[in-house]
Amino acid sequence: MPFGFECGDGWFKLIDELCAKLQAIADITGYQTVASQIKEKFGGLRFYVYIDSTGAKGENIWMNIIYDIISEAEHRSNQICEVCGDYGENTAPNGWYRTLCEKCREPIPG
C-alpha cells in the first residue's frame, strides 16, 4: 500500500473484521480484494481497494457484495471512536470532522 494506514487505532477491530470478511469471499470465489489506501476522511473510514478477479468463480455480483461490505464498515466507523474504539459520534465542533467518544473528545489538560 503506497499510503498505508492513515487512521487511528480505534478502528483496528473494524478494519480487521472487514478484512476477514473480504478474505472469506476471496477464499470461496477467487475475487481477491487488495487495499490501496485506508484513511480517515470527514471523520469516517475510507477503505479504497482494487479487486483482482483473475480466475474468479461466479458472477460479477460478488464485486457488488464486496463494495456493499466495505460501505457498511465505512458507515459503522461513524459510530466508533477513531482513537480508542468505544462508541463515538461524528461531529465537527471546531470545523474538523472526527468520530470520537466523549472521553477522547475532551481536551488534554496542560
N, C-alpha and C. Protein backbone atom coordinates (compact mmCIF):
# COMPACT_ATOMS: atom_id res chain seq x y z
N MET A 1 0.84 -1.18 0.00
CA MET A 1 0.00 0.00 0.00
C MET A 1 0.88 1.24 0.00
N PRO A 2 0.75 2.10 -0.98
CA PRO A 2 1.62 3.27 -1.04
C PRO A 2 1.39 4.26 0.10
N PHE A 3 0.17 4.35 0.61
CA PHE A 3 -0.13 5.33 1.66
C PHE A 3 -0.19 4.70 3.04
N GLY A 4 -0.43 3.42 3.14
CA GLY A 4 -0.53 2.75 4.42
C GLY A 4 -1.81 3.11 5.15
N PHE A 5 -1.77 3.00 6.45
CA PHE A 5 -2.92 3.32 7.29
C PHE A 5 -2.81 4.78 7.73
N GLU A 6 -3.84 5.54 7.46
CA GLU A 6 -3.88 6.94 7.87
C GLU A 6 -5.12 7.16 8.72
N CYS A 7 -5.21 6.36 9.80
CA CYS A 7 -6.34 6.50 10.72
C CYS A 7 -5.88 6.00 12.09
N GLY A 8 -6.71 6.28 13.08
CA GLY A 8 -6.36 5.93 14.45
C GLY A 8 -6.56 4.45 14.76
N ASP A 9 -5.97 4.03 15.87
CA ASP A 9 -6.02 2.63 16.31
C ASP A 9 -7.42 2.17 16.71
N GLY A 10 -8.31 3.11 17.01
CA GLY A 10 -9.66 2.75 17.45
C GLY A 10 -10.45 2.00 16.39
N TRP A 11 -10.07 2.12 15.15
CA TRP A 11 -10.77 1.41 14.08
C TRP A 11 -10.10 0.10 13.71
N PHE A 12 -9.07 -0.31 14.46
CA PHE A 12 -8.35 -1.54 14.13
C PHE A 12 -9.28 -2.74 14.07
N LYS A 13 -10.13 -2.91 15.08
CA LYS A 13 -11.03 -4.06 15.13
C LYS A 13 -11.99 -4.04 13.94
N LEU A 14 -12.54 -2.88 13.62
CA LEU A 14 -13.44 -2.74 12.48
C LEU A 14 -12.74 -3.13 11.18
N ILE A 15 -11.52 -2.65 10.98
CA ILE A 15 -10.77 -2.96 9.77
C ILE A 15 -10.40 -4.44 9.72
N ASP A 16 -10.05 -5.01 10.87
CA ASP A 16 -9.71 -6.43 10.95
C ASP A 16 -10.92 -7.29 10.57
N GLU A 17 -12.09 -6.95 11.10
CA GLU A 17 -13.32 -7.69 10.77
C GLU A 17 -13.65 -7.55 9.29
N LEU A 18 -13.49 -6.35 8.74
CA LEU A 18 -13.73 -6.11 7.32
C LEU A 18 -12.81 -6.98 6.46
N CYS A 19 -11.53 -6.98 6.79
CA CYS A 19 -10.57 -7.76 6.03
C CYS A 19 -10.86 -9.26 6.11
N ALA A 20 -11.32 -9.73 7.27
CA ALA A 20 -11.66 -11.15 7.43
C ALA A 20 -12.84 -11.52 6.51
N LYS A 21 -13.84 -10.65 6.43
CA LYS A 21 -14.98 -10.90 5.54
C LYS A 21 -14.53 -10.92 4.08
N LEU A 22 -13.70 -9.96 3.71
CA LEU A 22 -13.24 -9.89 2.32
C LEU A 22 -12.37 -11.09 1.97
N GLN A 23 -11.57 -11.56 2.92
CA GLN A 23 -10.73 -12.73 2.66
C GLN A 23 -11.58 -13.99 2.55
N ALA A 24 -12.65 -14.09 3.34
CA ALA A 24 -13.55 -15.24 3.24
C ALA A 24 -14.19 -15.30 1.85
N ILE A 25 -14.58 -14.16 1.32
CA ILE A 25 -15.13 -14.11 -0.04
C ILE A 25 -14.07 -14.54 -1.05
N ALA A 26 -12.86 -14.05 -0.87
CA ALA A 26 -11.76 -14.40 -1.80
C ALA A 26 -11.48 -15.90 -1.77
N ASP A 27 -11.52 -16.49 -0.59
CA ASP A 27 -11.25 -17.92 -0.46
C ASP A 27 -12.29 -18.76 -1.19
N ILE A 28 -13.54 -18.29 -1.21
CA ILE A 28 -14.63 -19.04 -1.84
C ILE A 28 -14.73 -18.76 -3.34
N THR A 29 -14.57 -17.49 -3.72
CA THR A 29 -14.87 -17.08 -5.09
C THR A 29 -13.66 -16.78 -5.95
N GLY A 30 -12.54 -16.43 -5.35
CA GLY A 30 -11.37 -16.01 -6.11
C GLY A 30 -11.31 -14.52 -6.35
N TYR A 31 -12.35 -13.77 -5.93
CA TYR A 31 -12.33 -12.30 -6.05
C TYR A 31 -11.48 -11.76 -4.90
N GLN A 32 -10.22 -11.46 -5.18
CA GLN A 32 -9.29 -11.00 -4.14
C GLN A 32 -9.31 -9.49 -4.04
N THR A 33 -9.67 -8.99 -2.87
CA THR A 33 -9.71 -7.55 -2.63
C THR A 33 -8.36 -7.12 -2.07
N VAL A 34 -7.79 -6.10 -2.68
CA VAL A 34 -6.48 -5.58 -2.26
C VAL A 34 -6.66 -4.12 -1.87
N ALA A 35 -6.35 -3.80 -0.62
CA ALA A 35 -6.48 -2.42 -0.15
C ALA A 35 -5.37 -1.57 -0.76
N SER A 36 -5.75 -0.42 -1.29
CA SER A 36 -4.76 0.51 -1.82
C SER A 36 -4.56 1.71 -0.90
N GLN A 37 -5.58 2.04 -0.11
CA GLN A 37 -5.44 3.13 0.87
C GLN A 37 -6.53 2.97 1.93
N ILE A 38 -6.14 3.17 3.18
CA ILE A 38 -7.08 3.14 4.30
C ILE A 38 -6.84 4.42 5.08
N LYS A 39 -7.91 5.24 5.20
CA LYS A 39 -7.70 6.53 5.84
C LYS A 39 -8.99 7.04 6.47
N GLU A 40 -8.85 8.14 7.21
CA GLU A 40 -9.98 8.87 7.77
C GLU A 40 -10.26 10.05 6.86
N LYS A 41 -11.54 10.28 6.58
CA LYS A 41 -11.95 11.45 5.81
C LYS A 41 -13.32 11.88 6.32
N PHE A 42 -13.44 13.15 6.65
CA PHE A 42 -14.68 13.70 7.21
C PHE A 42 -15.15 12.89 8.43
N GLY A 43 -14.19 12.41 9.21
CA GLY A 43 -14.50 11.70 10.44
C GLY A 43 -14.87 10.25 10.26
N GLY A 44 -14.86 9.75 9.03
CA GLY A 44 -15.23 8.37 8.77
C GLY A 44 -14.12 7.60 8.07
N LEU A 45 -14.22 6.30 8.12
CA LEU A 45 -13.26 5.42 7.47
C LEU A 45 -13.46 5.46 5.96
N ARG A 46 -12.36 5.49 5.24
CA ARG A 46 -12.37 5.32 3.79
C ARG A 46 -11.43 4.16 3.48
N PHE A 47 -11.96 3.17 2.78
CA PHE A 47 -11.24 1.93 2.50
C PHE A 47 -11.22 1.75 0.99
N TYR A 48 -10.13 2.19 0.35
CA TYR A 48 -10.01 2.15 -1.10
C TYR A 48 -9.34 0.85 -1.53
N VAL A 49 -9.92 0.21 -2.55
CA VAL A 49 -9.44 -1.11 -2.97
C VAL A 49 -9.41 -1.24 -4.48
N TYR A 50 -8.73 -2.26 -4.92
CA TYR A 50 -8.95 -2.78 -6.26
C TYR A 50 -9.22 -4.27 -6.09
N ILE A 51 -9.96 -4.84 -7.03
CA ILE A 51 -10.37 -6.24 -6.92
C ILE A 51 -9.77 -7.01 -8.09
N ASP A 52 -8.99 -8.01 -7.74
CA ASP A 52 -8.39 -8.88 -8.75
C ASP A 52 -9.33 -10.06 -8.97
N SER A 53 -9.93 -10.13 -10.16
CA SER A 53 -10.88 -11.19 -10.46
C SER A 53 -10.28 -12.27 -11.37
N THR A 54 -8.95 -12.28 -11.51
CA THR A 54 -8.28 -13.28 -12.32
C THR A 54 -8.59 -14.67 -11.76
N GLY A 55 -9.20 -15.50 -12.58
CA GLY A 55 -9.52 -16.86 -12.14
C GLY A 55 -10.69 -16.95 -11.19
N ALA A 56 -11.45 -15.87 -11.04
CA ALA A 56 -12.58 -15.88 -10.10
C ALA A 56 -13.72 -16.75 -10.61
N LYS A 57 -14.44 -17.32 -9.65
CA LYS A 57 -15.61 -18.14 -9.97
C LYS A 57 -16.87 -17.33 -9.71
N GLY A 58 -17.89 -17.60 -10.45
CA GLY A 58 -19.18 -16.97 -10.18
C GLY A 58 -19.37 -15.69 -10.96
N GLU A 59 -20.45 -15.04 -10.66
CA GLU A 59 -20.86 -13.83 -11.36
C GLU A 59 -20.18 -12.60 -10.76
N ASN A 60 -20.25 -11.50 -11.49
CA ASN A 60 -19.74 -10.23 -11.00
C ASN A 60 -20.53 -9.69 -9.82
N ILE A 61 -21.62 -10.37 -9.45
CA ILE A 61 -22.40 -9.95 -8.28
C ILE A 61 -21.50 -9.88 -7.05
N TRP A 62 -20.44 -10.68 -7.03
CA TRP A 62 -19.52 -10.66 -5.88
C TRP A 62 -18.85 -9.31 -5.72
N MET A 63 -18.59 -8.63 -6.82
CA MET A 63 -17.99 -7.30 -6.71
C MET A 63 -18.95 -6.35 -6.01
N ASN A 64 -20.23 -6.43 -6.34
CA ASN A 64 -21.23 -5.60 -5.65
C ASN A 64 -21.29 -5.94 -4.17
N ILE A 65 -21.22 -7.22 -3.85
CA ILE A 65 -21.26 -7.65 -2.44
C ILE A 65 -20.03 -7.11 -1.70
N ILE A 66 -18.88 -7.20 -2.33
CA ILE A 66 -17.64 -6.68 -1.72
C ILE A 66 -17.78 -5.20 -1.42
N TYR A 67 -18.25 -4.43 -2.40
CA TYR A 67 -18.39 -2.98 -2.18
C TYR A 67 -19.46 -2.67 -1.14
N ASP A 68 -20.50 -3.49 -1.05
CA ASP A 68 -21.52 -3.30 0.00
C ASP A 68 -20.93 -3.55 1.38
N ILE A 69 -20.10 -4.57 1.52
CA ILE A 69 -19.46 -4.88 2.81
C ILE A 69 -18.53 -3.74 3.21
N ILE A 70 -17.78 -3.21 2.27
CA ILE A 70 -16.90 -2.07 2.56
C ILE A 70 -17.71 -0.86 2.97
N SER A 71 -18.79 -0.58 2.25
CA SER A 71 -19.65 0.56 2.55
C SER A 71 -20.25 0.45 3.95
N GLU A 72 -20.65 -0.75 4.33
CA GLU A 72 -21.22 -0.97 5.66
C GLU A 72 -20.18 -0.67 6.75
N ALA A 73 -18.95 -1.11 6.55
CA ALA A 73 -17.88 -0.84 7.53
C ALA A 73 -17.59 0.66 7.60
N GLU A 74 -17.57 1.32 6.46
CA GLU A 74 -17.34 2.77 6.45
C GLU A 74 -18.45 3.48 7.22
N HIS A 75 -19.68 3.04 7.03
CA HIS A 75 -20.81 3.64 7.74
C HIS A 75 -20.69 3.40 9.25
N ARG A 76 -20.33 2.18 9.64
CA ARG A 76 -20.17 1.85 11.07
C ARG A 76 -19.09 2.70 11.74
N SER A 77 -18.07 3.09 10.97
CA SER A 77 -16.96 3.87 11.56
C SER A 77 -17.44 5.21 12.12
N ASN A 78 -18.57 5.71 11.65
CA ASN A 78 -19.11 6.97 12.14
C ASN A 78 -19.69 6.86 13.55
N GLN A 79 -19.65 5.66 14.12
CA GLN A 79 -20.13 5.45 15.49
C GLN A 79 -19.07 4.79 16.36
N ILE A 80 -17.83 4.75 15.87
CA ILE A 80 -16.73 4.14 16.62
C ILE A 80 -15.63 5.18 16.77
N CYS A 81 -15.21 5.41 18.01
CA CYS A 81 -14.15 6.38 18.29
C CYS A 81 -12.87 5.95 17.56
N GLU A 82 -12.35 6.85 16.75
CA GLU A 82 -11.14 6.55 15.98
C GLU A 82 -9.93 6.37 16.89
N VAL A 83 -9.96 6.93 18.08
CA VAL A 83 -8.81 6.86 18.99
C VAL A 83 -8.81 5.58 19.82
N CYS A 84 -9.96 5.27 20.47
CA CYS A 84 -9.98 4.16 21.43
C CYS A 84 -10.89 3.00 21.06
N GLY A 85 -11.82 3.18 20.11
CA GLY A 85 -12.70 2.10 19.70
C GLY A 85 -14.02 2.02 20.43
N ASP A 86 -14.24 2.88 21.42
CA ASP A 86 -15.53 2.91 22.11
C ASP A 86 -16.57 3.56 21.21
N TYR A 87 -17.81 3.60 21.70
CA TYR A 87 -18.87 4.28 20.95
C TYR A 87 -18.47 5.75 20.77
N GLY A 88 -18.62 6.27 19.57
CA GLY A 88 -18.28 7.65 19.30
C GLY A 88 -19.32 8.31 18.43
N GLU A 89 -19.19 9.61 18.29
CA GLU A 89 -20.08 10.39 17.44
C GLU A 89 -19.24 11.21 16.46
N ASN A 90 -19.73 11.29 15.24
CA ASN A 90 -19.06 12.06 14.20
C ASN A 90 -19.56 13.50 14.29
N THR A 91 -18.69 14.38 14.74
CA THR A 91 -19.03 15.79 14.88
C THR A 91 -17.89 16.66 14.38
N ALA A 92 -18.20 17.94 14.22
CA ALA A 92 -17.18 18.89 13.79
C ALA A 92 -17.28 20.16 14.61
N PRO A 93 -17.04 20.08 15.93
CA PRO A 93 -17.20 21.27 16.76
C PRO A 93 -16.22 22.40 16.42
N ASN A 94 -15.05 22.05 15.91
CA ASN A 94 -14.04 23.06 15.56
C ASN A 94 -13.84 23.15 14.05
N GLY A 95 -14.81 22.65 13.30
CA GLY A 95 -14.70 22.69 11.85
C GLY A 95 -13.97 21.49 11.25
N TRP A 96 -13.44 20.60 12.09
CA TRP A 96 -12.72 19.42 11.61
C TRP A 96 -13.50 18.19 12.06
N TYR A 97 -14.02 17.41 11.11
CA TYR A 97 -14.81 16.24 11.44
C TYR A 97 -13.95 15.16 12.06
N ARG A 98 -14.43 14.60 13.15
CA ARG A 98 -13.78 13.47 13.83
C ARG A 98 -14.87 12.62 14.45
N THR A 99 -14.64 11.33 14.53
CA THR A 99 -15.53 10.46 15.27
C THR A 99 -14.80 10.08 16.54
N LEU A 100 -15.31 10.62 17.65
CA LEU A 100 -14.66 10.44 18.95
C LEU A 100 -15.69 10.12 20.02
N CYS A 101 -15.25 9.41 21.05
CA CYS A 101 -16.09 9.19 22.22
C CYS A 101 -16.02 10.45 23.09
N GLU A 102 -16.84 10.48 24.11
CA GLU A 102 -16.88 11.65 25.00
C GLU A 102 -15.52 11.87 25.66
N LYS A 103 -14.88 10.78 26.10
CA LYS A 103 -13.59 10.89 26.80
C LYS A 103 -12.50 11.43 25.86
N CYS A 104 -12.43 10.91 24.66
CA CYS A 104 -11.37 11.32 23.73
C CYS A 104 -11.64 12.71 23.14
N ARG A 105 -12.86 13.16 23.25
CA ARG A 105 -13.22 14.50 22.73
C ARG A 105 -12.77 15.61 23.69
N GLU A 106 -12.60 15.27 24.95
CA GLU A 106 -12.19 16.26 25.95
C GLU A 106 -10.77 16.71 25.68
N PRO A 107 -10.52 18.00 25.78
CA PRO A 107 -9.14 18.49 25.59
C PRO A 107 -8.21 17.98 26.68
N ILE A 108 -6.99 17.71 26.30
CA ILE A 108 -5.99 17.26 27.26
C ILE A 108 -5.53 18.46 28.09
N PRO A 109 -5.62 18.35 29.44
CA PRO A 109 -5.20 19.48 30.27
C PRO A 109 -3.69 19.73 30.16
N GLY A 110 -3.35 21.00 30.34
CA GLY A 110 -1.94 21.35 30.41
C GLY A 110 -1.52 22.07 29.24
